[in-house]
Amino acid sequence: MNVQDVLAKMQELIAEQFALEAESITMDTSFEDDLGADSVDLMELVIAMEEEFEIGEVSEEDMPELKTVGDCVNYLVNKQK
């Protein structure tokens, strides 16, 4: 999957979890600042990512780096290589 494919799927996951329009979610969307996500929201999203993209478990060391949608998209693209 390329960046655009991963972004489209992430937009779907985030839109569903946060009750938003997928089109309103961009690579620059911040989970905390723009979506008001708390740690529980982020854990649920990471679990959804793990299942959707079949990447195994996201390590606790990587979690703090996933602050924006773009961070997650790039992380997922790199995990698939």
N, C-alpha and C. Protein backbone atom coordinates (compact mmCIF):
# COMPACT_ATOMS: atom_id res chain seq x y z
N MET A 1 0.84 -1.19 0.00
CA MET A 1 0.00 0.00 0.00
C MET A 1 0.88 1.25 0.00
N ASN A 2 0.45 2.25 -0.74
CA ASN A 2 1.20 3.50 -0.75
C ASN A 2 0.62 4.47 0.28
N VAL A 3 1.22 5.64 0.38
CA VAL A 3 0.82 6.63 1.38
C VAL A 3 -0.66 7.00 1.22
N GLN A 4 -1.10 7.22 -0.02
CA GLN A 4 -2.50 7.62 -0.24
C GLN A 4 -3.48 6.52 0.19
N ASP A 5 -3.14 5.26 -0.09
CA ASP A 5 -4.00 4.14 0.31
C ASP A 5 -4.10 4.05 1.83
N VAL A 6 -2.95 4.18 2.49
CA VAL A 6 -2.92 4.10 3.96
C VAL A 6 -3.68 5.29 4.55
N LEU A 7 -3.49 6.49 3.99
CA LEU A 7 -4.20 7.67 4.49
C LEU A 7 -5.71 7.48 4.36
N ALA A 8 -6.16 6.97 3.23
CA ALA A 8 -7.60 6.78 3.02
C ALA A 8 -8.18 5.83 4.06
N LYS A 9 -7.47 4.75 4.34
CA LYS A 9 -7.94 3.77 5.32
C LYS A 9 -7.90 4.38 6.73
N MET A 10 -6.86 5.14 7.04
CA MET A 10 -6.78 5.80 8.34
C MET A 10 -7.90 6.82 8.51
N GLN A 11 -8.22 7.55 7.45
CA GLN A 11 -9.32 8.51 7.51
C GLN A 11 -10.62 7.79 7.87
N GLU A 12 -10.84 6.61 7.29
CA GLU A 12 -12.04 5.83 7.60
C GLU A 12 -12.06 5.42 9.07
N LEU A 13 -10.93 4.89 9.54
CA LEU A 13 -10.85 4.43 10.94
C LEU A 13 -11.09 5.59 11.91
N ILE A 14 -10.43 6.71 11.66
CA ILE A 14 -10.53 7.87 12.56
C ILE A 14 -11.93 8.47 12.50
N ALA A 15 -12.48 8.58 11.29
CA ALA A 15 -13.83 9.13 11.14
C ALA A 15 -14.84 8.31 11.91
N GLU A 16 -14.70 6.99 11.84
CA GLU A 16 -15.62 6.10 12.56
C GLU A 16 -15.47 6.26 14.07
N GLN A 17 -14.24 6.28 14.54
CA GLN A 17 -13.99 6.35 15.99
C GLN A 17 -14.38 7.70 16.59
N PHE A 18 -14.15 8.79 15.85
CA PHE A 18 -14.38 10.12 16.40
C PHE A 18 -15.64 10.79 15.85
N ALA A 19 -16.43 10.05 15.09
CA ALA A 19 -17.68 10.55 14.50
C ALA A 19 -17.44 11.84 13.71
N LEU A 20 -16.52 11.74 12.75
CA LEU A 20 -16.17 12.87 11.89
C LEU A 20 -16.37 12.51 10.43
N GLU A 21 -16.29 13.50 9.56
CA GLU A 21 -16.27 13.26 8.12
C GLU A 21 -14.83 12.90 7.75
N ALA A 22 -14.66 11.83 7.01
CA ALA A 22 -13.31 11.38 6.63
C ALA A 22 -12.54 12.47 5.90
N GLU A 23 -13.24 13.26 5.08
CA GLU A 23 -12.58 14.29 4.28
C GLU A 23 -11.96 15.40 5.15
N SER A 24 -12.45 15.53 6.39
CA SER A 24 -11.93 16.59 7.26
C SER A 24 -10.60 16.20 7.92
N ILE A 25 -10.18 14.97 7.73
CA ILE A 25 -8.96 14.46 8.37
C ILE A 25 -7.81 14.52 7.37
N THR A 26 -6.73 15.20 7.77
CA THR A 26 -5.56 15.33 6.89
C THR A 26 -4.33 14.74 7.56
N MET A 27 -3.23 14.73 6.82
CA MET A 27 -1.97 14.23 7.37
C MET A 27 -1.54 15.07 8.58
N ASP A 28 -1.94 16.34 8.61
CA ASP A 28 -1.53 17.24 9.70
C ASP A 28 -2.47 17.20 10.90
N THR A 29 -3.55 16.46 10.82
CA THR A 29 -4.50 16.40 11.93
C THR A 29 -3.82 15.81 13.16
N SER A 30 -3.85 16.56 14.25
CA SER A 30 -3.27 16.12 15.53
C SER A 30 -4.35 15.42 16.34
N PHE A 31 -4.00 14.26 16.88
CA PHE A 31 -4.99 13.51 17.67
C PHE A 31 -5.42 14.27 18.92
N GLU A 32 -4.46 14.85 19.62
CA GLU A 32 -4.80 15.56 20.86
C GLU A 32 -5.33 16.97 20.58
N ASP A 33 -4.61 17.74 19.77
CA ASP A 33 -4.98 19.15 19.55
C ASP A 33 -6.24 19.31 18.70
N ASP A 34 -6.35 18.54 17.63
CA ASP A 34 -7.49 18.71 16.71
C ASP A 34 -8.69 17.82 17.05
N LEU A 35 -8.42 16.62 17.54
CA LEU A 35 -9.50 15.67 17.80
C LEU A 35 -9.86 15.54 19.27
N GLY A 36 -9.04 16.10 20.15
CA GLY A 36 -9.31 16.00 21.58
C GLY A 36 -9.19 14.58 22.11
N ALA A 37 -8.35 13.78 21.46
CA ALA A 37 -8.20 12.38 21.85
C ALA A 37 -7.46 12.26 23.18
N ASP A 38 -7.91 11.32 24.00
CA ASP A 38 -7.19 11.01 25.23
C ASP A 38 -6.47 9.67 25.05
N SER A 39 -5.81 9.19 26.09
CA SER A 39 -5.01 7.97 25.95
C SER A 39 -5.87 6.75 25.60
N VAL A 40 -7.09 6.70 26.08
CA VAL A 40 -7.98 5.58 25.75
C VAL A 40 -8.35 5.62 24.27
N ASP A 41 -8.67 6.82 23.78
CA ASP A 41 -8.98 6.97 22.35
C ASP A 41 -7.80 6.50 21.49
N LEU A 42 -6.61 6.91 21.89
CA LEU A 42 -5.42 6.56 21.12
C LEU A 42 -5.16 5.06 21.15
N MET A 43 -5.36 4.44 22.30
CA MET A 43 -5.16 2.99 22.39
C MET A 43 -6.16 2.26 21.48
N GLU A 44 -7.41 2.70 21.49
CA GLU A 44 -8.42 2.08 20.62
C GLU A 44 -8.04 2.24 19.15
N LEU A 45 -7.52 3.40 18.80
CA LEU A 45 -7.11 3.64 17.42
C LEU A 45 -5.93 2.75 17.04
N VAL A 46 -4.96 2.63 17.93
CA VAL A 46 -3.79 1.79 17.65
C VAL A 46 -4.22 0.33 17.47
N ILE A 47 -5.14 -0.13 18.30
CA ILE A 47 -5.64 -1.51 18.16
C ILE A 47 -6.33 -1.68 16.80
N ALA A 48 -7.13 -0.69 16.41
CA ALA A 48 -7.79 -0.74 15.10
C ALA A 48 -6.76 -0.76 13.97
N MET A 49 -5.69 0.03 14.11
CA MET A 49 -4.62 0.05 13.11
C MET A 49 -3.94 -1.31 13.03
N GLU A 50 -3.63 -1.89 14.17
CA GLU A 50 -2.96 -3.18 14.20
C GLU A 50 -3.79 -4.24 13.48
N GLU A 51 -5.10 -4.23 13.71
CA GLU A 51 -5.99 -5.20 13.08
C GLU A 51 -6.16 -4.92 11.60
N GLU A 52 -6.42 -3.67 11.25
CA GLU A 52 -6.70 -3.30 9.85
C GLU A 52 -5.50 -3.55 8.95
N PHE A 53 -4.31 -3.19 9.43
CA PHE A 53 -3.11 -3.27 8.59
C PHE A 53 -2.27 -4.52 8.87
N GLU A 54 -2.71 -5.35 9.82
CA GLU A 54 -2.03 -6.60 10.16
C GLU A 54 -0.53 -6.39 10.37
N ILE A 55 -0.20 -5.46 11.25
CA ILE A 55 1.21 -5.10 11.48
C ILE A 55 1.76 -5.68 12.77
N GLY A 56 0.97 -6.46 13.48
CA GLY A 56 1.41 -6.92 14.79
C GLY A 56 1.20 -5.80 15.80
N GLU A 57 1.85 -5.92 16.93
CA GLU A 57 1.64 -4.96 18.01
C GLU A 57 2.55 -3.74 17.88
N VAL A 58 1.97 -2.56 18.04
CA VAL A 58 2.76 -1.32 18.04
C VAL A 58 3.47 -1.24 19.40
N SER A 59 4.79 -1.08 19.36
CA SER A 59 5.55 -1.08 20.62
C SER A 59 5.28 0.19 21.43
N GLU A 60 5.44 0.07 22.73
CA GLU A 60 5.21 1.22 23.61
C GLU A 60 6.21 2.34 23.32
N GLU A 61 7.40 1.99 22.81
CA GLU A 61 8.39 3.02 22.47
C GLU A 61 7.91 3.86 21.28
N ASP A 62 7.14 3.26 20.38
CA ASP A 62 6.67 3.97 19.19
C ASP A 62 5.45 4.85 19.47
N MET A 63 4.68 4.51 20.48
CA MET A 63 3.42 5.21 20.75
C MET A 63 3.57 6.73 20.88
N PRO A 64 4.54 7.25 21.64
CA PRO A 64 4.64 8.71 21.80
C PRO A 64 4.94 9.44 20.48
N GLU A 65 5.47 8.73 19.50
CA GLU A 65 5.81 9.34 18.21
C GLU A 65 4.59 9.53 17.31
N LEU A 66 3.48 8.87 17.64
CA LEU A 66 2.29 8.91 16.79
C LEU A 66 1.35 10.03 17.24
N LYS A 67 1.71 11.26 16.91
CA LYS A 67 0.95 12.43 17.36
C LYS A 67 -0.04 12.93 16.32
N THR A 68 0.26 12.70 15.04
CA THR A 68 -0.62 13.16 13.97
C THR A 68 -1.01 12.00 13.07
N VAL A 69 -1.99 12.25 12.22
CA VAL A 69 -2.40 11.23 11.25
C VAL A 69 -1.21 10.89 10.35
N GLY A 70 -0.46 11.90 9.95
CA GLY A 70 0.72 11.68 9.11
C GLY A 70 1.74 10.78 9.77
N ASP A 71 1.94 10.96 11.08
CA ASP A 71 2.86 10.09 11.82
C ASP A 71 2.43 8.63 11.70
N CYS A 72 1.14 8.39 11.85
CA CYS A 72 0.61 7.02 11.77
C CYS A 72 0.73 6.47 10.36
N VAL A 73 0.41 7.29 9.37
CA VAL A 73 0.49 6.85 7.98
C VAL A 73 1.92 6.45 7.64
N ASN A 74 2.89 7.31 7.98
CA ASN A 74 4.29 7.00 7.69
C ASN A 74 4.76 5.77 8.45
N TYR A 75 4.33 5.63 9.69
CA TYR A 75 4.67 4.46 10.50
C TYR A 75 4.15 3.19 9.81
N LEU A 76 2.90 3.22 9.38
CA LEU A 76 2.29 2.05 8.74
C LEU A 76 2.97 1.71 7.41
N VAL A 77 3.27 2.73 6.61
CA VAL A 77 3.95 2.48 5.33
C VAL A 77 5.30 1.83 5.58
N ASN A 78 6.04 2.32 6.57
CA ASN A 78 7.36 1.75 6.88
C ASN A 78 7.25 0.34 7.43
N LYS A 79 6.21 0.05 8.21
CA LYS A 79 6.02 -1.29 8.77
C LYS A 79 5.75 -2.33 7.68
N GLN A 80 5.20 -1.89 6.56
CA GLN A 80 4.85 -2.82 5.50
C GLN A 80 6.03 -3.17 4.58
N LYS A 81 7.14 -2.48 4.75
CA LYS A 81 8.31 -2.72 3.88
C LYS A 81 9.07 -3.95 4.31
